[in-house]
Amino acid sequence: MKKIIMIMAVATALFSCGQKQDVAATTDATTDSLGGMMTSTDAKTAAFKELTEAYMANDSVNYGKIYADNVKTYFPNDTTVDIIGKKEHNAVFLGHHKIFSNIKNTRIRTMTITLGNGETWTDTWGVFTGKGIASGKDVVFPYHIVDLWEGDKIVKELHFSDTKPFEVEAAAAAAKK
C-alpha cells in the first residue's frame, strides 16, 4: 500500500511540475518579440502557393504579382543583395525554364508567421526537380525560401539551397551556343 501511495505522490508531483512549465513557457512566448502566430491557411500562404504554381507553369502573367517593385533577393553564397527589383527577380526565376525542362516543386510546405515584433514572413520548403536542357541530367535538390512581407507585397526573399545545379546547367547551355 505504501508503494502505491508513493507512486501516486511522485506521479502527481511530476504532472504538476509539467503543468507549471507549460504556463511559464506560454508567458515567456507572449513577451518574446520573435514569438508569434504561425498558420498555413492565410491569404499570404495561399498567394505564395499560387506563385509556386505559376513558376512551375512558366506563367509570366501570374508569376511575381506578390513581389514589391523593389524586392531584394538573396542567395546563400553571400550576404549582399543578389537581385534588386521585381522585373529582374521574375526574369531570373522564369529564366530557369530556359535551362531546365519539366520543372517541378514537390513536397512543398508553406506557412506564414506573424512575429511579435510585427514582421510577417512566409516560409516554404520543398524539393526542386528538373531536367537540364543542355546536359540532359536530372536535377533534384531541397530548397527553403523565406519571404518578408510589407502589407500585401514581398519586399525581401532569402533562398537557402544549393545554387550549383543552376550554375552548372547555365554553363552547359552557354558552352553549347
C-alpha atoms as a PDB file:
ATOM      1  CA  MET A   1       0.000   0.000   0.000  1.00  0.00           C
ATOM      2  CA  LYS A   2       2.860   2.364   0.842  1.00  0.00           C
ATOM      3  CA  LYS A   3       4.334   1.746  -2.610  1.00  0.00           C
ATOM      4  CA  ILE A   4       1.080   2.641  -4.358  1.00  0.00           C
ATOM      5  CA  ILE A   5       0.720   5.850  -2.330  1.00  0.00           C
ATOM      6  CA  MET A   6       4.366   6.735  -3.034  1.00  0.00           C
ATOM      7  CA  ILE A   7       3.931   6.114  -6.812  1.00  0.00           C
ATOM      8  CA  MET A   8       0.792   8.271  -6.848  1.00  0.00           C
ATOM      9  CA  ALA A   9       2.570  11.074  -4.959  1.00  0.00           C
ATOM     10  CA  VAL A  10       5.534  11.018  -7.344  1.00  0.00           C
ATOM     11  CA  ALA A  11       3.242  10.921 -10.396  1.00  0.00           C
ATOM     12  CA  THR A  12       1.185  13.842  -9.039  1.00  0.00           C
ATOM     13  CA  ALA A  13       4.342  15.866  -8.370  1.00  0.00           C
ATOM     14  CA  LEU A  14       5.704  15.181 -11.862  1.00  0.00           C
ATOM     15  CA  PHE A  15       2.372  16.037 -13.501  1.00  0.00           C
ATOM     16  CA  SER A  16       2.031  19.313 -11.608  1.00  0.00           C
ATOM     17  CA  CYS A  17       5.631  20.309 -12.414  1.00  0.00           C
ATOM     18  CA  GLY A  18       4.911  19.721 -16.078  1.00  0.00           C
ATOM     19  CA  GLN A  19       1.830  21.957 -15.874  1.00  0.00           C
ATOM     20  CA  LYS A  20       3.814  24.794 -14.309  1.00  0.00           C
ATOM     21  CA  GLN A  21       6.440  24.589 -17.076  1.00  0.00           C
ATOM     22  CA  ASP A  22       3.780  24.893 -19.777  1.00  0.00           C
ATOM     23  CA  VAL A  23       2.336  28.017 -18.135  1.00  0.00           C
ATOM     24  CA  ALA A  24       5.811  29.560 -17.841  1.00  0.00           C
ATOM     25  CA  ALA A  25       6.575  28.793 -21.499  1.00  0.00           C
ATOM     26  CA  THR A  26       3.318  30.457 -22.598  1.00  0.00           C
ATOM     27  CA  THR A  27       4.076  33.553 -20.535  1.00  0.00           C
ATOM     28  CA  ASP A  28       7.604  33.826 -21.990  1.00  0.00           C
ATOM     29  CA  ALA A  29       6.281  33.497 -25.551  1.00  0.00           C
ATOM     30  CA  THR A  30       3.931  36.459 -25.123  1.00  0.00           C
ATOM     31  CA  THR A  31       6.837  38.764 -24.225  1.00  0.00           C
ATOM     32  CA  ASP A  32       9.157  37.404 -26.938  1.00  0.00           C
ATOM     33  CA  SER A  33       9.386  39.834 -29.878  1.00  0.00           C
ATOM     34  CA  LEU A  34      10.156  36.895 -32.153  1.00  0.00           C
ATOM     35  CA  GLY A  35       7.334  34.761 -30.810  1.00  0.00           C
ATOM     36  CA  GLY A  36       4.175  34.882 -32.810  1.00  0.00           C
ATOM     37  CA  MET A  37       1.434  33.181 -34.754  1.00  0.00           C
ATOM     38  CA  MET A  38       2.033  30.567 -37.448  1.00  0.00           C
ATOM     39  CA  THR A  39      -0.594  29.479 -39.976  1.00  0.00           C
ATOM     40  CA  SER A  40      -0.829  27.706 -43.304  1.00  0.00           C
ATOM     41  CA  THR A  41      -4.375  28.796 -44.129  1.00  0.00           C
ATOM     42  CA  ASP A  42      -3.983  32.577 -44.527  1.00  0.00           C
ATOM     43  CA  ALA A  43      -4.071  34.714 -47.686  1.00  0.00           C
ATOM     44  CA  LYS A  44      -0.273  35.184 -47.814  1.00  0.00           C
ATOM     45  CA  THR A  45       0.377  31.444 -47.729  1.00  0.00           C
ATOM     46  CA  ALA A  46      -2.261  30.923 -50.428  1.00  0.00           C
ATOM     47  CA  ALA A  47      -0.681  33.686 -52.549  1.00  0.00           C
ATOM     48  CA  PHE A  48       2.745  32.065 -52.292  1.00  0.00           C
ATOM     49  CA  LYS A  49       1.297  28.688 -53.253  1.00  0.00           C
ATOM     50  CA  GLU A  50      -0.237  30.317 -56.351  1.00  0.00           C
ATOM     51  CA  LEU A  51       3.164  31.868 -57.122  1.00  0.00           C
ATOM     52  CA  THR A  52       4.750  28.403 -56.951  1.00  0.00           C
ATOM     53  CA  GLU A  53       2.159  27.029 -59.390  1.00  0.00           C
ATOM     54  CA  ALA A  54       2.790  29.939 -61.787  1.00  0.00           C
ATOM     55  CA  TYR A  55       6.568  29.332 -61.534  1.00  0.00           C
ATOM     56  CA  MET A  56       6.216  25.657 -62.455  1.00  0.00           C
ATOM     57  CA  ALA A  57       3.907  26.535 -65.362  1.00  0.00           C
ATOM     58  CA  ASN A  58       6.312  29.256 -66.591  1.00  0.00           C
ATOM     59  CA  ASP A  59       3.344  31.625 -66.350  1.00  0.00           C
ATOM     60  CA  SER A  60       4.805  35.102 -66.821  1.00  0.00           C
ATOM     61  CA  VAL A  61       1.382  36.734 -66.438  1.00  0.00           C
ATOM     62  CA  ASN A  62       0.710  35.426 -62.927  1.00  0.00           C
ATOM     63  CA  TYR A  63       4.230  34.854 -61.605  1.00  0.00           C
ATOM     64  CA  GLY A  64       5.550  37.650 -59.457  1.00  0.00           C
ATOM     65  CA  LYS A  65       2.363  39.567 -58.708  1.00  0.00           C
ATOM     66  CA  ILE A  66       3.100  39.464 -54.981  1.00  0.00           C
ATOM     67  CA  TYR A  67       6.599  40.949 -55.236  1.00  0.00           C
ATOM     68  CA  ALA A  68       7.179  44.632 -54.496  1.00  0.00           C
ATOM     69  CA  ASP A  69       8.775  46.603 -57.328  1.00  0.00           C
ATOM     70  CA  ASN A  70      11.939  46.980 -55.199  1.00  0.00           C
ATOM     71  CA  VAL A  71      12.092  43.404 -53.827  1.00  0.00           C
ATOM     72  CA  LYS A  72      15.560  42.310 -52.711  1.00  0.00           C
ATOM     73  CA  THR A  73      16.554  38.687 -53.306  1.00  0.00           C
ATOM     74  CA  TYR A  74      19.427  36.953 -51.527  1.00  0.00           C
ATOM     75  CA  PHE A  75      21.119  33.651 -52.367  1.00  0.00           C
ATOM     76  CA  PRO A  76      23.101  31.622 -49.830  1.00  0.00           C
ATOM     77  CA  ASN A  77      26.551  32.285 -51.272  1.00  0.00           C
ATOM     78  CA  ASP A  78      26.954  35.743 -49.673  1.00  0.00           C
ATOM     79  CA  THR A  79      25.222  38.395 -47.564  1.00  0.00           C
ATOM     80  CA  THR A  80      24.766  41.028 -50.250  1.00  0.00           C
ATOM     81  CA  VAL A  81      21.642  41.530 -52.318  1.00  0.00           C
ATOM     82  CA  ASP A  82      21.866  39.355 -55.432  1.00  0.00           C
ATOM     83  CA  ILE A  83      18.803  40.664 -57.277  1.00  0.00           C
ATOM     84  CA  ILE A  84      17.118  44.028 -56.867  1.00  0.00           C
ATOM     85  CA  GLY A  85      13.683  44.642 -58.302  1.00  0.00           C
ATOM     86  CA  LYS A  86      10.641  42.687 -59.375  1.00  0.00           C
ATOM     87  CA  LYS A  87      11.481  42.734 -63.084  1.00  0.00           C
ATOM     88  CA  GLU A  88      14.949  41.230 -62.585  1.00  0.00           C
ATOM     89  CA  HIS A  89      13.649  38.746 -59.984  1.00  0.00           C
ATOM     90  CA  ASN A  90      10.950  37.463 -62.334  1.00  0.00           C
ATOM     91  CA  ALA A  91      13.400  37.234 -65.249  1.00  0.00           C
ATOM     92  CA  VAL A  92      15.867  35.167 -63.201  1.00  0.00           C
ATOM     93  CA  PHE A  93      13.322  32.705 -61.864  1.00  0.00           C
ATOM     94  CA  LEU A  94      11.255  32.277 -65.004  1.00  0.00           C
ATOM     95  CA  GLY A  95      14.604  32.034 -66.817  1.00  0.00           C
ATOM     96  CA  HIS A  96      15.048  28.648 -65.147  1.00  0.00           C
ATOM     97  CA  HIS A  97      12.756  27.311 -67.866  1.00  0.00           C
ATOM     98  CA  LYS A  98      15.391  28.230 -70.476  1.00  0.00           C
ATOM     99  CA  ILE A  99      17.882  25.815 -68.928  1.00  0.00           C
ATOM    100  CA  PHE A 100      15.601  23.164 -67.371  1.00  0.00           C
ATOM    101  CA  SER A 101      12.604  21.272 -68.688  1.00  0.00           C
ATOM    102  CA  ASN A 102       9.931  19.524 -66.650  1.00  0.00           C
ATOM    103  CA  ILE A 103      10.418  21.800 -63.624  1.00  0.00           C
ATOM    104  CA  LYS A 104       8.510  20.599 -60.583  1.00  0.00           C
ATOM    105  CA  ASN A 105       8.413  21.588 -56.941  1.00  0.00           C
ATOM    106  CA  THR A 106       7.335  18.698 -54.770  1.00  0.00           C
ATOM    107  CA  ARG A 107       6.888  18.034 -51.070  1.00  0.00           C
ATOM    108  CA  ILE A 108       6.039  21.705 -50.626  1.00  0.00           C
ATOM    109  CA  ARG A 109       5.327  23.011 -47.133  1.00  0.00           C
ATOM    110  CA  THR A 110       4.351  26.680 -46.867  1.00  0.00           C
ATOM    111  CA  MET A 111       3.365  28.653 -43.779  1.00  0.00           C
ATOM    112  CA  THR A 112       3.192  32.276 -42.765  1.00  0.00           C
ATOM    113  CA  ILE A 113       4.475  33.521 -39.430  1.00  0.00           C
ATOM    114  CA  THR A 114       3.482  36.848 -37.894  1.00  0.00           C
ATOM    115  CA  LEU A 115       6.050  37.706 -35.243  1.00  0.00           C
ATOM    116  CA  GLY A 116       5.555  39.627 -32.028  1.00  0.00           C
ATOM    117  CA  ASN A 117       7.653  42.468 -33.480  1.00  0.00           C
ATOM    118  CA  GLY A 118       5.102  42.941 -36.301  1.00  0.00           C
ATOM    119  CA  GLU A 119       7.080  41.292 -39.123  1.00  0.00           C
ATOM    120  CA  THR A 120       5.288  38.785 -41.335  1.00  0.00           C
ATOM    121  CA  TRP A 121       7.300  36.049 -43.057  1.00  0.00           C
ATOM    122  CA  THR A 122       6.273  33.195 -45.326  1.00  0.00           C
ATOM    123  CA  ASP A 123       8.451  30.083 -45.183  1.00  0.00           C
ATOM    124  CA  THR A 124       8.455  27.470 -47.929  1.00  0.00           C
ATOM    125  CA  TRP A 125      10.292  24.160 -48.041  1.00  0.00           C
ATOM    126  CA  GLY A 126      10.255  21.811 -50.981  1.00  0.00           C
ATOM    127  CA  VAL A 127      12.208  19.768 -53.490  1.00  0.00           C
ATOM    128  CA  PHE A 128      13.102  21.128 -56.949  1.00  0.00           C
ATOM    129  CA  THR A 129      13.268  18.667 -59.829  1.00  0.00           C
ATOM    130  CA  GLY A 130      14.045  19.335 -63.457  1.00  0.00           C
ATOM    131  CA  LYS A 131      15.983  18.036 -66.450  1.00  0.00           C
ATOM    132  CA  GLY A 132      18.887  20.075 -67.753  1.00  0.00           C
ATOM    133  CA  ILE A 133      18.174  21.036 -71.367  1.00  0.00           C
ATOM    134  CA  ALA A 134      21.860  21.249 -72.366  1.00  0.00           C
ATOM    135  CA  SER A 135      23.250  18.466 -70.168  1.00  0.00           C
ATOM    136  CA  GLY A 136      20.276  16.094 -70.188  1.00  0.00           C
ATOM    137  CA  LYS A 137      20.913  15.468 -66.479  1.00  0.00           C
ATOM    138  CA  ASP A 138      18.139  15.143 -63.931  1.00  0.00           C
ATOM    139  CA  VAL A 139      18.465  17.564 -61.035  1.00  0.00           C
ATOM    140  CA  VAL A 140      16.911  17.074 -57.606  1.00  0.00           C
ATOM    141  CA  PHE A 141      17.629  19.220 -54.561  1.00  0.00           C
ATOM    142  CA  PRO A 142      15.827  20.531 -51.471  1.00  0.00           C
ATOM    143  CA  TYR A 143      15.182  24.239 -51.032  1.00  0.00           C
ATOM    144  CA  HIS A 144      13.976  26.664 -48.379  1.00  0.00           C
ATOM    145  CA  ILE A 145      12.685  30.152 -49.225  1.00  0.00           C
ATOM    146  CA  VAL A 146      11.839  32.829 -46.666  1.00  0.00           C
ATOM    147  CA  ASP A 147       9.857  35.929 -47.683  1.00  0.00           C
ATOM    148  CA  LEU A 148       9.340  39.156 -45.714  1.00  0.00           C
ATOM    149  CA  TRP A 149       6.057  40.960 -46.351  1.00  0.00           C
ATOM    150  CA  GLU A 150       5.178  44.628 -46.091  1.00  0.00           C
ATOM    151  CA  GLY A 151       1.422  44.882 -46.479  1.00  0.00           C
ATOM    152  CA  ASP A 152       0.446  42.629 -49.366  1.00  0.00           C
ATOM    153  CA  LYS A 153       3.851  42.600 -51.119  1.00  0.00           C
ATOM    154  CA  ILE A 154       7.050  40.632 -50.594  1.00  0.00           C
ATOM    155  CA  VAL A 155       9.960  43.040 -50.063  1.00  0.00           C
ATOM    156  CA  LYS A 156      12.743  40.567 -49.227  1.00  0.00           C
ATOM    157  CA  GLU A 157      13.340  36.971 -50.293  1.00  0.00           C
ATOM    158  CA  LEU A 158      16.055  34.727 -48.886  1.00  0.00           C
ATOM    159  CA  HIS A 159      16.979  31.446 -50.572  1.00  0.00           C
ATOM    160  CA  PHE A 160      18.591  28.598 -48.667  1.00  0.00           C
ATOM    161  CA  SER A 161      19.505  25.991 -51.246  1.00  0.00           C
ATOM    162  CA  ASP A 162      22.389  24.850 -53.373  1.00  0.00           C
ATOM    163  CA  THR A 163      22.767  27.175 -56.376  1.00  0.00           C
ATOM    164  CA  LYS A 164      25.312  24.884 -58.041  1.00  0.00           C
ATOM    165  CA  PRO A 165      22.775  22.940 -60.188  1.00  0.00           C
ATOM    166  CA  PHE A 166      21.690  26.217 -61.804  1.00  0.00           C
ATOM    167  CA  GLU A 167      25.269  27.376 -62.321  1.00  0.00           C
ATOM    168  CA  VAL A 168      26.338  24.039 -63.850  1.00  0.00           C
ATOM    169  CA  GLU A 169      23.374  23.896 -66.219  1.00  0.00           C
ATOM    170  CA  ALA A 170      23.746  27.554 -67.222  1.00  0.00           C
ATOM    171  CA  ALA A 171      27.434  26.863 -68.040  1.00  0.00           C
ATOM    172  CA  ALA A 172      26.450  23.771 -70.075  1.00  0.00           C
ATOM    173  CA  ALA A 173      23.889  25.842 -72.013  1.00  0.00           C
ATOM    174  CA  ALA A 174      26.457  28.605 -72.666  1.00  0.00           C
ATOM    175  CA  ALA A 175      29.007  26.035 -73.886  1.00  0.00           C
ATOM    176  CA  LYS A 176      26.500  24.669 -76.453  1.00  0.00           C
ATOM    177  CA  LYS A 177      25.923  28.080 -78.032  1.00  0.00           C
END
